[in-house]
């Protein structure tokens, strides 16, 4: 379990869910739980009453048909529960007391009924609105067909990826395939006249989803138009089994939608990639997630160790409001989901989280992650954000969870001590816990290769001035101090050959040679680092 301010992590998530549930019930004015709630891509919905209204307006099961195939659609009747099957089994037992064979079959779970209203395509055409359809997406739009024709096949490709990585969806009780209707809006008045917009109480800032439907405003950049559509599609996919009320917390639902929506388009649409790290800003116009993260913290090196103001992990996991207020929050949850899916030391512990679709599944998976991993993640998180750039993912190096030397039994490393720093490592913990105001002397020596290409560049701890990274010489030994809970992180502290440092906070000292995280694979050699109390 992960603890924050003395409250176990799982208990906190349960408390937060209970509070949200009470708020929804108070807003609905009813006692039955709706199965969907509208959600805005820029503002997590507090509008679960939408589903209550839809339940009241839903036709009787005998009258309901599929808006896609015309075949009988899923009824609103739930499949039998385990208890109902047990009662039926007992009632159907034969004289010998043995249950019939059918009673041994576990009950089938189905996804929620597809209750999309039928589209009046003639009326849509009259308003200049067209319909483009694929197996898993009906796209309703007033944009030129040539600019949107690839979007439904792209959603199909994403569907295949989601089922491959997150697991197959439960079947529909009527036997129909999963399909979503998306409204891509350029001129809003056309959709208003056609009567296909959600009610005014559910405004669309960027995008909003409700059950098996979503609405999104057109975006000027082709990439971000695709990204936003895929983001909403992921929401519909993940919430079609348990509904909007029984879902993992905000960071996960928005983070995983952002993660899979970040894509690389392939000329053969079916071969497009999802859940990727952009290799450059070109081709990802309008996305801005990494730029958004980096503009929110101080990137200037500081000889005195001024704080960088990087958002702590706990703030990302437990946002201060029930809905996101700005784009930086979407950027941070994308970064977190990307980290736990790609960090080689974190991925095994978080693998089970990726397949979670209900609150209980999430809490069970989170509860299996050791407390030590959460503590390590608290510290690694700000250093990961510090180095985050567009890059070839195969070349990326991550901050290490394990330190350069194991801690002593009392948790501290005695000074003086000597450590060996790998020039290719992206931030490594010294394991030395400093207190605010404590003075230490750091001395570095060694020769190592940085960014080797056709000719190696030989660097020493002061770095080489032929190139600079974040305002300091390439290959220079630099440090950062991170508080135990990850809430405070200093800016880069230049160390070089020798540095007398007064720690501005209580925290652990981390070291690295100065370089981009995606170029460290070309660095070879080590630095010997001596750390002691006192003066030279």
Protein backbone atom coordinates (compact mmCIF):
# COMPACT_ATOMS: atom_id res chain seq x y z
CA UNK A 1 0.00 0.00 0.00
CA UNK A 2 1.09 3.52 -0.71
CA UNK A 3 0.78 6.02 2.09
CA UNK A 4 0.41 9.74 1.94
CA UNK A 5 0.14 11.81 5.12
CA UNK A 6 -0.32 8.63 7.09
CA UNK A 7 -3.33 7.42 5.09
CA UNK A 8 -2.88 4.13 3.23
CA UNK A 9 -3.08 4.65 -0.54
CA UNK A 10 -5.87 2.13 -1.10
CA UNK A 11 -7.90 3.64 1.73
CA UNK A 12 -7.52 7.08 0.16
CA UNK A 13 -8.79 5.90 -3.23
CA UNK A 14 -11.75 4.23 -1.57
CA UNK A 15 -12.57 7.38 0.41
CA UNK A 16 -12.29 9.52 -2.72
CA UNK A 17 -14.60 7.21 -4.64
CA UNK A 18 -17.16 7.25 -1.82
CA UNK A 19 -17.18 11.03 -1.74
CA UNK A 20 -17.60 11.19 -5.54
CA UNK A 21 -20.40 8.65 -5.39
CA UNK A 22 -22.26 10.63 -2.73
CA UNK A 23 -21.92 13.75 -4.83
CA UNK A 24 -23.38 11.98 -7.85
CA UNK A 25 -26.28 10.59 -5.86
CA UNK A 26 -27.03 14.01 -4.41
CA UNK A 27 -27.00 15.52 -7.87
CA UNK A 28 -29.20 12.81 -9.37
CA UNK A 29 -31.73 12.90 -6.61
CA UNK A 30 -32.16 9.14 -6.90
CA UNK A 31 -30.96 5.94 -5.36
CA UNK A 32 -30.13 3.77 -8.38
CA UNK A 33 -26.64 4.08 -9.86
CA UNK A 34 -26.51 5.23 -13.50
CA UNK A 35 -24.23 3.22 -15.70
CA UNK A 36 -22.63 6.04 -17.67
CA UNK A 37 -21.83 9.65 -17.03
CA UNK A 38 -20.75 12.32 -19.47
CA UNK A 39 -17.09 13.26 -19.34
CA UNK A 40 -15.33 16.21 -20.93
CA UNK A 41 -11.77 15.68 -22.21
CA UNK A 42 -10.81 18.97 -20.64
CA UNK A 43 -13.03 18.64 -17.58
CA UNK A 44 -13.79 15.30 -15.96
CA UNK A 45 -17.52 15.12 -15.76
CA UNK A 46 -19.62 15.77 -12.73
CA UNK A 47 -22.70 15.04 -14.86
CA UNK A 48 -23.58 11.42 -14.17
CA UNK A 49 -27.25 12.44 -14.09
CA UNK A 50 -27.18 12.26 -17.89
CA UNK A 51 -27.41 8.49 -17.73
CA UNK A 52 -30.27 8.59 -15.25
CA UNK A 53 -32.21 10.68 -17.75
CA UNK A 54 -31.32 8.28 -20.55
CA UNK A 55 -32.50 5.33 -18.44
CA UNK A 56 -35.88 6.97 -17.97
CA UNK A 57 -36.22 7.67 -21.69
CA UNK A 58 -34.99 4.24 -22.86
CA UNK A 59 -37.72 2.24 -24.65
CA UNK A 60 -38.89 -1.10 -23.37
CA UNK A 61 -36.67 -4.05 -24.20
CA UNK A 62 -39.20 -5.51 -26.58
CA UNK A 63 -39.18 -2.30 -28.68
CA UNK A 64 -35.44 -1.59 -28.70
CA UNK A 65 -33.37 -2.29 -31.81
CA UNK A 66 -29.79 -1.71 -32.72
CA UNK A 67 -29.12 1.64 -34.39
CA UNK A 68 -26.30 0.02 -36.34
CA UNK A 69 -27.60 -3.25 -37.72
CA UNK A 70 -31.35 -3.07 -37.12
CA UNK A 71 -31.14 -6.35 -35.22
CA UNK A 72 -32.60 -6.63 -31.72
CA UNK A 73 -30.34 -4.66 -29.42
CA UNK A 74 -29.15 -5.49 -25.96
CA UNK A 75 -31.89 -5.23 -23.38
CA UNK A 76 -31.35 -3.27 -20.19
CA UNK A 77 -31.86 -6.45 -18.19
CA UNK A 78 -28.69 -7.49 -16.36
CA UNK A 79 -27.31 -11.00 -16.76
CA UNK A 80 -28.03 -13.35 -13.82
CA UNK A 81 -25.85 -12.91 -10.78
CA UNK A 82 -23.84 -15.67 -9.16
CA UNK A 83 -26.43 -15.87 -6.38
CA UNK A 84 -29.28 -16.21 -8.90
CA UNK A 85 -27.43 -18.98 -10.69
CA UNK A 86 -26.89 -20.77 -7.39
CA UNK A 87 -30.61 -20.60 -6.57
CA UNK A 88 -31.51 -21.84 -10.02
CA UNK A 89 -29.01 -24.64 -9.62
CA UNK A 90 -30.54 -25.73 -6.33
CA UNK A 91 -34.04 -25.59 -7.75
CA UNK A 92 -32.98 -27.66 -10.73
CA UNK A 93 -31.09 -30.36 -8.82
CA UNK A 94 -32.10 -33.90 -9.62
CA UNK A 95 -33.33 -36.46 -7.13
CA UNK A 96 -29.82 -37.53 -6.23
CA UNK A 97 -29.01 -33.98 -5.15
CA UNK A 98 -26.46 -33.48 -7.92
CA UNK A 99 -26.77 -30.18 -9.80
CA UNK A 100 -27.37 -30.27 -13.55
CA UNK A 101 -24.33 -29.80 -15.76
CA UNK A 102 -25.47 -26.33 -16.89
CA UNK A 103 -25.27 -25.06 -13.31
CA UNK A 104 -21.51 -25.60 -13.30
CA UNK A 105 -20.97 -23.03 -16.07
CA UNK A 106 -20.03 -19.61 -14.64
CA UNK A 107 -22.35 -16.74 -15.55
CA UNK A 108 -21.43 -14.76 -18.65
CA UNK A 109 -20.60 -11.08 -18.14
CA UNK A 110 -21.71 -8.65 -20.84
CA UNK A 111 -20.79 -5.09 -21.58
CA UNK A 112 -23.38 -2.36 -21.18
CA UNK A 113 -26.16 -2.12 -23.79
CA UNK A 114 -25.45 -0.07 -26.90
CA UNK A 115 -28.32 2.41 -26.73
CA UNK A 116 -27.24 5.01 -29.26
CA UNK A 117 -30.21 6.72 -30.91
CA UNK A 118 -30.63 6.11 -34.62
CA UNK A 119 -29.13 8.70 -36.96
CA UNK A 120 -31.43 10.50 -39.40
CA UNK A 121 -28.95 10.52 -42.25
CA UNK A 122 -31.22 12.45 -44.62
CA UNK A 123 -31.57 15.26 -42.10
CA UNK A 124 -27.84 15.25 -41.50
CA UNK A 125 -27.15 15.47 -45.23
CA UNK A 126 -29.57 18.37 -45.51
CA UNK A 127 -27.42 20.24 -42.97
CA UNK A 128 -24.19 19.45 -44.79
CA UNK A 129 -23.19 16.78 -42.28
CA UNK A 130 -21.75 13.52 -43.60
CA UNK A 131 -21.37 10.05 -42.16
CA UNK A 132 -18.21 7.95 -42.59
CA UNK A 133 -18.34 4.48 -41.12
CA UNK A 134 -16.00 1.61 -40.22
CA UNK A 135 -16.36 -1.51 -38.11
CA UNK A 136 -15.85 0.28 -34.79
CA UNK A 137 -16.60 3.96 -35.51
CA UNK A 138 -19.44 5.88 -37.15
CA UNK A 139 -18.06 9.38 -37.70
CA UNK A 140 -20.55 12.20 -38.17
CA UNK A 141 -18.88 15.38 -39.41
CA UNK A 142 -19.24 18.53 -41.50
CA UNK A 143 -15.58 18.49 -42.54
CA UNK A 144 -14.57 17.63 -46.12
CA UNK A 145 -14.47 13.86 -46.58
CA UNK A 146 -10.87 13.86 -47.78
CA UNK A 147 -9.74 15.22 -44.39
CA UNK A 148 -11.58 12.60 -42.30
CA UNK A 149 -11.81 9.46 -44.41
CA UNK A 150 -8.87 7.83 -42.58
CA UNK A 151 -10.24 8.46 -39.09
CA UNK A 152 -12.65 5.50 -38.78
CA UNK A 153 -10.02 2.98 -40.00
CA UNK A 154 -7.57 4.55 -37.53
CA UNK A 155 -10.07 3.95 -34.71
CA UNK A 156 -10.32 0.32 -35.87
CA UNK A 157 -6.55 0.00 -35.64
CA UNK A 158 -6.62 1.47 -32.13
CA UNK A 159 -9.38 -0.97 -31.14
CA UNK A 160 -7.18 -3.89 -32.16
CA UNK A 161 -4.29 -2.47 -30.11
CA UNK A 162 -6.49 -1.92 -27.05
CA UNK A 163 -7.80 -5.47 -27.12
CA UNK A 164 -4.31 -6.83 -27.62
CA UNK A 165 -2.76 -4.87 -24.74
CA UNK A 166 -5.65 -4.41 -22.32
CA UNK A 167 -7.66 -7.55 -22.99
CA UNK A 168 -10.76 -8.26 -25.03
CA UNK A 169 -14.02 -6.55 -24.21
CA UNK A 170 -16.88 -8.52 -22.73
CA UNK A 171 -19.38 -9.42 -25.47
CA UNK A 172 -22.61 -7.59 -26.14
CA UNK A 173 -25.66 -9.56 -25.03
CA UNK A 174 -27.20 -9.05 -28.49
CA UNK A 175 -24.07 -10.32 -30.20
CA UNK A 176 -23.24 -7.02 -31.94
CA UNK A 177 -19.67 -5.74 -32.32
CA UNK A 178 -18.36 -2.82 -30.31
CA UNK A 179 -18.98 0.41 -32.18
CA UNK A 180 -18.94 4.09 -31.21
CA UNK A 181 -20.57 7.12 -32.82
CA UNK A 182 -18.36 10.21 -32.86
CA UNK A 183 -19.42 13.74 -33.82
CA UNK A 184 -16.57 15.83 -35.23
CA UNK A 185 -17.87 19.40 -35.21
CA UNK A 186 -16.69 22.37 -37.25
CA UNK A 187 -19.86 24.50 -37.52
CA UNK A 188 -21.82 23.86 -34.33
CA UNK A 189 -25.11 25.29 -35.64
CA UNK A 190 -25.40 22.48 -38.21
CA UNK A 191 -25.36 19.87 -35.47
CA UNK A 192 -27.76 21.90 -33.33
CA UNK A 193 -30.30 22.01 -36.15
CA UNK A 194 -29.85 18.29 -36.70
CA UNK A 195 -30.52 17.68 -33.00
CA UNK A 196 -27.45 15.52 -32.34
CA UNK A 197 -25.65 17.59 -29.70
CA UNK A 198 -25.75 16.82 -25.98
CA UNK A 199 -27.84 19.17 -23.86
CA UNK A 200 -26.42 22.56 -22.91
CA UNK A 201 -25.60 21.40 -19.41
CA UNK A 202 -22.77 19.34 -20.93
CA UNK A 203 -20.62 21.90 -22.77
CA UNK A 204 -17.90 20.68 -25.14
CA UNK A 205 -14.62 22.47 -24.53
CA UNK A 206 -12.49 20.08 -26.59
CA UNK A 207 -14.21 16.71 -26.38
CA UNK A 208 -16.83 14.87 -24.35
CA UNK A 209 -17.97 11.27 -24.23
CA UNK A 210 -21.18 9.64 -23.05
CA UNK A 211 -21.69 5.90 -23.28
CA UNK A 212 -21.08 4.78 -26.85
CA UNK A 213 -20.96 8.34 -28.21
CA UNK A 214 -18.54 11.24 -28.15
CA UNK A 215 -18.45 14.80 -29.43
CA UNK A 216 -15.37 16.85 -30.27
CA UNK A 217 -14.63 20.25 -31.73
CA UNK A 218 -12.51 20.39 -34.85
CA UNK A 219 -8.81 21.07 -34.32
CA UNK A 220 -6.61 23.10 -36.64
CA UNK A 221 -3.74 20.58 -36.60
CA UNK A 222 -4.32 17.26 -38.37
CA UNK A 223 -2.33 15.35 -35.77
CA UNK A 224 -4.22 16.75 -32.80
CA UNK A 225 -7.58 16.19 -34.51
CA UNK A 226 -6.70 12.50 -34.72
CA UNK A 227 -5.30 12.51 -31.18
CA UNK A 228 -8.45 13.98 -29.63
CA UNK A 229 -10.67 11.55 -31.53
CA UNK A 230 -8.60 8.59 -30.33
CA UNK A 231 -8.61 9.94 -26.76
CA UNK A 232 -12.41 9.94 -26.70
CA UNK A 233 -12.54 6.53 -28.36
CA UNK A 234 -10.37 5.08 -25.56
CA UNK A 235 -12.77 6.46 -22.95
CA UNK A 236 -15.72 4.76 -24.67
CA UNK A 237 -13.78 1.50 -24.89
CA UNK A 238 -12.75 1.46 -21.22
CA UNK A 239 -16.13 2.49 -19.80
CA UNK A 240 -18.47 0.27 -21.80
CA UNK A 241 -18.26 -2.60 -19.32
CA UNK A 242 -18.61 -0.99 -15.89
CA UNK A 243 -19.92 2.49 -16.69
CA UNK A 244 -18.64 5.85 -15.55
CA UNK A 245 -19.16 5.39 -11.81
CA UNK A 246 -17.18 2.19 -11.39
CA UNK A 247 -13.87 3.27 -12.88
CA UNK A 248 -10.27 3.79 -11.76
CA UNK A 249 -9.30 7.29 -10.53
CA UNK A 250 -8.89 10.40 -12.63
CA UNK A 251 -5.13 10.15 -13.23
CA UNK A 252 -5.50 6.69 -14.71
CA UNK A 253 -8.59 7.19 -16.88
CA UNK A 254 -7.26 10.38 -18.45
CA UNK A 255 -3.66 9.19 -18.49
CA UNK A 256 -4.36 5.97 -20.34
CA UNK A 257 -6.59 7.80 -22.85
CA UNK A 258 -3.75 10.24 -23.49
CA UNK A 259 -1.22 7.42 -23.68
CA UNK A 260 -2.99 5.39 -26.37
CA UNK A 261 -4.13 8.47 -28.28
CA UNK A 262 -0.49 9.47 -28.77
CA UNK A 263 0.16 7.77 -32.07
CA UNK A 264 2.36 7.51 -35.12
CA UNK A 265 0.41 7.35 -38.38
CA UNK A 266 1.50 4.75 -40.92
CA UNK A 267 0.69 4.90 -44.66
CA UNK A 268 -1.04 1.58 -44.09
CA UNK A 269 -3.52 2.76 -41.43
CA UNK A 270 -3.79 -0.68 -39.88
CA UNK A 271 -0.07 -0.55 -39.04
CA UNK A 272 -0.27 2.73 -37.13
CA UNK A 273 1.35 2.73 -33.67
CA UNK A 274 -0.25 3.80 -30.40
CA UNK A 275 1.18 4.56 -26.96
CA UNK A 276 4.37 5.95 -28.42
CA UNK A 277 6.89 8.60 -27.39
CA UNK A 278 7.09 11.27 -30.11
CA UNK A 279 10.56 11.29 -31.61
CA UNK A 280 10.32 14.99 -32.51
CA UNK A 281 7.85 17.86 -32.43
CA UNK A 282 7.42 17.58 -36.21
CA UNK A 283 4.43 15.49 -37.16
CA UNK A 284 2.86 15.94 -33.71
CA UNK A 285 1.56 19.48 -34.15
CA UNK A 286 -0.88 20.58 -31.46
CA UNK A 287 0.13 17.85 -28.98
CA UNK A 288 2.55 19.90 -26.82
CA UNK A 289 2.51 17.50 -23.84
CA UNK A 290 6.26 17.54 -23.19
CA UNK A 291 6.54 21.28 -23.82
CA UNK A 292 3.65 21.82 -21.39
CA UNK A 293 5.44 19.86 -18.68
CA UNK A 294 8.78 21.60 -19.17
CA UNK A 295 7.40 25.12 -19.20
CA UNK A 296 5.95 24.60 -15.73
CA UNK A 297 9.24 24.14 -13.87
CA UNK A 298 12.49 26.05 -13.50
CA UNK A 299 15.05 24.62 -15.93
CA UNK A 300 17.87 27.05 -15.12
CA UNK A 301 20.90 25.51 -13.36
CA UNK A 302 21.51 26.88 -9.85
CA UNK A 303 24.78 26.84 -7.93
CA UNK A 304 22.83 27.19 -4.67
CA UNK A 305 20.22 24.56 -5.48
CA UNK A 306 17.09 26.64 -5.97
CA UNK A 307 13.90 24.58 -6.17
CA UNK A 308 12.73 23.55 -9.63
CA UNK A 309 9.01 23.51 -8.71
CA UNK A 310 8.37 20.22 -10.52
CA UNK A 311 4.87 18.93 -9.78
CA UNK A 312 5.13 16.07 -7.24
CA UNK A 313 3.88 12.60 -8.06
CA UNK A 314 1.32 12.74 -5.25
CA UNK A 315 -0.28 15.83 -6.80
CA UNK A 316 -0.67 13.91 -10.06
CA UNK A 317 -2.12 10.86 -8.32
CA UNK A 318 -4.46 12.94 -6.14
CA UNK A 319 -5.41 16.12 -8.07
CA UNK A 320 -6.79 18.93 -5.91
CA UNK A 321 -10.08 19.09 -7.82
CA UNK A 322 -12.47 16.47 -9.18
CA UNK A 323 -11.79 17.60 -12.74
CA UNK A 324 -8.72 18.80 -14.58
CA UNK A 325 -8.30 22.55 -14.75
CA UNK A 326 -5.57 22.95 -17.38
CA UNK A 327 -3.63 21.13 -20.07
CA UNK A 328 -0.59 20.55 -17.86
CA UNK A 329 -2.60 18.02 -15.86
CA UNK A 330 -3.25 15.98 -19.01
CA UNK A 331 0.45 16.23 -19.82
CA UNK A 332 1.46 14.94 -16.39
CA UNK A 333 -0.89 11.94 -16.38
CA UNK A 334 0.27 11.03 -19.90
CA UNK A 335 3.86 11.18 -18.65
CA UNK A 336 3.06 8.98 -15.66
CA UNK A 337 1.31 6.29 -17.70
CA UNK A 338 4.16 6.34 -20.22
CA UNK A 339 6.72 5.99 -17.41
CA UNK A 340 5.12 2.97 -15.72
CA UNK A 341 4.70 1.28 -19.10
CA UNK A 342 8.32 1.77 -20.19
CA UNK A 343 10.64 2.07 -17.18
CA UNK A 344 12.28 -1.38 -17.06
CA UNK A 345 12.26 -1.50 -13.26
CA UNK A 346 8.70 -0.17 -12.83
CA UNK A 347 6.89 -1.94 -15.66
CA UNK A 348 6.69 -5.40 -13.99
CA UNK A 349 5.12 -3.97 -10.82
CA UNK A 350 2.58 -1.88 -12.72
CA UNK A 351 1.75 -4.40 -15.46
CA UNK A 352 -1.50 -5.48 -13.80
CA UNK A 353 -2.71 -1.87 -13.53
CA UNK A 354 -2.80 -1.54 -17.32
CA UNK A 355 -5.67 -4.01 -17.68
CA UNK A 356 -7.90 -2.43 -15.00
CA UNK A 357 -11.34 -1.21 -16.01
CA UNK A 358 -13.18 -1.09 -12.68
CA UNK A 359 -12.37 0.60 -9.41
CA UNK A 360 -11.96 -2.70 -7.57
CA UNK A 361 -9.63 -4.11 -10.23
CA UNK A 362 -7.52 -0.97 -9.91
CA UNK A 363 -7.38 -1.07 -6.12
CA UNK A 364 -6.46 -4.76 -6.14
CA UNK A 365 -3.64 -4.15 -8.63
CA UNK A 366 -2.33 -1.07 -6.80
CA UNK A 367 -2.43 -2.94 -3.50
CA UNK A 368 0.05 -5.51 -4.85
CA UNK A 369 2.73 -2.89 -5.56
CA UNK A 370 5.32 -2.86 -2.75
CA UNK A 371 5.56 0.24 -0.59
CA UNK A 372 9.26 0.52 -1.46
CA UNK A 373 8.43 0.89 -5.16
CA UNK A 374 6.09 3.82 -4.41
CA UNK A 375 8.78 5.53 -2.34
CA UNK A 376 11.28 5.05 -5.16
CA UNK A 377 8.77 6.36 -7.69
CA UNK A 378 8.19 9.48 -5.58
CA UNK A 379 11.88 10.36 -6.04
CA UNK A 380 12.34 9.14 -9.60
CA UNK A 381 9.29 11.04 -10.88
CA UNK A 382 10.70 14.63 -10.79
CA UNK A 383 14.03 13.49 -12.24
CA UNK A 384 12.21 11.70 -15.06
CA UNK A 385 10.24 14.86 -15.87
CA UNK A 386 13.46 16.85 -15.73
CA UNK A 387 14.95 14.79 -18.56
CA UNK A 388 11.79 14.23 -20.59
CA UNK A 389 12.21 15.13 -24.27
CA UNK A 390 10.98 13.88 -27.62
CA UNK A 391 13.26 10.99 -28.53
CA UNK A 392 13.73 7.58 -30.08
CA UNK A 393 12.36 5.39 -27.29
CA UNK A 394 14.95 2.69 -27.93
CA UNK A 395 17.71 5.10 -26.90
CA UNK A 396 16.06 6.45 -23.74
CA UNK A 397 17.73 5.94 -20.35
CA UNK A 398 15.70 6.23 -17.13
CA UNK A 399 16.61 7.30 -13.58
CA UNK A 400 17.56 4.15 -11.68
CA UNK A 401 15.44 2.96 -8.76
CA UNK A 402 18.49 1.43 -7.09
CA UNK A 403 21.28 3.67 -5.81
CA UNK A 404 24.99 3.66 -6.52
CA UNK A 405 25.50 1.93 -3.20
CA UNK A 406 23.04 0.19 -0.82
CA UNK A 407 22.04 2.14 2.28
CA UNK A 408 23.55 1.22 5.62
CA UNK A 409 21.32 -0.47 8.18
CA UNK A 410 20.32 2.87 9.67
CA UNK A 411 19.31 4.10 6.22
CA UNK A 412 22.25 6.45 5.78
CA UNK A 413 25.64 6.17 4.11
CA UNK A 414 28.48 7.27 6.35
CA UNK A 415 30.77 10.04 5.13
CA UNK A 416 33.35 10.13 3.73
CA UNK A 417 32.47 7.71 0.98
CA UNK A 418 33.49 6.99 -2.60
CA UNK A 419 31.07 6.10 -5.39
CA UNK A 420 31.39 5.18 -9.06
CA UNK A 421 29.05 6.95 -11.48
CA UNK A 422 28.35 5.46 -14.92
CA UNK A 423 28.61 8.21 -17.57
CA UNK A 424 25.67 6.68 -19.39
CA UNK A 425 23.32 6.64 -16.39
CA UNK A 426 20.39 9.07 -16.32
CA UNK A 427 20.36 10.24 -12.69
CA UNK A 428 21.67 7.85 -10.03
CA UNK A 429 21.03 8.10 -6.31
CA UNK A 430 24.06 8.39 -4.07
CA UNK A 431 21.97 7.07 -1.21
CA UNK A 432 23.23 9.97 0.91
CA UNK A 433 20.49 11.65 2.92
CA UNK A 434 21.22 15.31 3.56
CA UNK A 435 19.56 17.69 5.99
CA UNK A 436 18.77 21.30 5.20
CA UNK A 437 21.89 23.40 5.80
CA UNK A 438 24.28 20.43 5.83
CA UNK A 439 27.56 21.10 4.02
CA UNK A 440 29.36 18.44 2.00
CA UNK A 441 32.34 18.39 -0.31
CA UNK A 442 32.00 16.56 -3.63
CA UNK A 443 35.14 15.71 -5.61
CA UNK A 444 35.03 14.01 -9.01
CA UNK A 445 37.70 12.55 -11.26
CA UNK A 446 37.86 10.43 -14.37
CA UNK A 447 37.79 10.50 -18.17
CA UNK A 448 34.84 9.21 -20.18
CA UNK A 449 33.29 9.33 -23.63
CA UNK A 450 30.17 11.38 -24.35
CA UNK A 451 27.95 11.14 -27.43
CA UNK A 452 30.35 8.93 -29.35
CA UNK A 453 29.81 9.02 -33.13
CA UNK A 454 32.56 8.60 -35.72
CA UNK A 455 35.03 10.12 -33.25
CA UNK A 456 34.73 9.89 -29.45
CA UNK A 457 34.48 13.07 -27.39
CA UNK A 458 36.55 12.69 -24.23
CA UNK A 459 35.14 14.53 -21.22
CA UNK A 460 36.23 15.11 -17.64
CA UNK A 461 33.98 16.12 -14.71
CA UNK A 462 33.98 19.80 -15.75
CA UNK A 463 32.49 18.80 -19.13
CA UNK A 464 33.39 20.00 -22.60
CA UNK A 465 32.30 23.37 -23.94
CA UNK A 466 32.04 22.24 -27.55
CA UNK A 467 28.34 21.69 -26.76
CA UNK A 468 25.90 22.63 -24.02
CA UNK A 469 22.83 20.88 -22.57
CA UNK A 470 20.32 22.92 -20.55
CA UNK A 471 22.81 25.75 -20.18
CA UNK A 472 25.76 23.68 -18.89
CA UNK A 473 28.72 21.99 -20.64
CA UNK A 474 28.11 18.57 -22.15
CA UNK A 475 29.36 15.80 -19.85
CA UNK A 476 29.72 17.98 -16.75
CA UNK A 477 28.93 16.19 -13.48
CA UNK A 478 25.75 17.74 -12.10
CA UNK A 479 23.58 16.99 -9.09
CA UNK A 480 20.07 17.40 -7.73
CA UNK A 481 18.56 16.93 -4.29
CA UNK A 482 15.13 15.32 -3.97
CA UNK A 483 13.13 15.20 -0.75
CA UNK A 484 12.11 11.75 0.49
CA UNK A 485 8.47 12.28 -0.52
CA UNK A 486 9.37 13.86 -3.86
CA UNK A 487 7.59 17.13 -3.08
CA UNK A 488 10.78 19.21 -3.38
CA UNK A 489 13.46 18.97 -6.04
CA UNK A 490 16.32 21.34 -6.70
CA UNK A 491 17.35 22.61 -10.11
CA UNK A 492 20.55 21.21 -11.64
CA UNK A 493 23.52 21.92 -9.37
CA UNK A 494 26.83 22.22 -11.31
CA UNK A 495 29.47 20.09 -9.57
CA UNK A 496 32.34 19.52 -11.99
CA UNK A 497 35.68 18.55 -10.52
CA UNK A 498 34.89 19.91 -7.05
CA UNK A 499 31.89 21.45 -5.32
CA UNK A 500 31.24 22.55 -1.77
CA UNK A 501 27.49 22.25 -1.37
CA UNK A 502 25.11 23.43 1.32
CA UNK A 503 21.87 21.48 0.97
CA UNK A 504 18.81 23.78 0.80
CA UNK A 505 16.39 20.97 1.78
CA UNK A 506 16.21 17.62 3.50
CA UNK A 507 16.70 15.08 0.73
CA UNK A 508 18.80 12.59 -1.18
CA UNK A 509 21.66 13.61 -3.47
CA UNK A 510 21.43 12.37 -7.07
CA UNK A 511 24.16 12.64 -9.72
CA UNK A 512 24.59 12.35 -13.48
CA UNK A 513 26.78 13.58 -16.30
CA UNK A 514 25.07 16.35 -18.24
CA UNK A 515 23.46 15.05 -21.42
CA UNK A 516 20.07 14.36 -23.00
CA UNK A 517 18.33 11.20 -21.83
CA UNK A 518 18.22 9.75 -25.34
CA UNK A 519 21.94 10.26 -26.08
CA UNK A 520 23.36 8.52 -23.02
CA UNK A 521 23.60 5.18 -24.77
CA UNK A 522 26.60 6.67 -26.61
CA UNK A 523 28.36 7.55 -23.33
CA UNK A 524 31.01 5.20 -21.94
CA UNK A 525 33.22 5.21 -18.89
CA UNK A 526 32.88 6.14 -15.24
CA UNK A 527 33.43 8.97 -12.80
CA UNK A 528 34.86 8.37 -9.34
CA UNK A 529 32.98 10.54 -6.85
CA UNK A 530 34.23 11.27 -3.34
CA UNK A 531 31.79 12.81 -0.87
CA UNK A 532 32.80 14.06 2.57
CA UNK A 533 31.92 16.53 5.29
CA UNK A 534 33.98 19.64 5.81
CA UNK A 535 36.14 21.77 3.51
CA UNK A 536 38.91 20.91 1.01
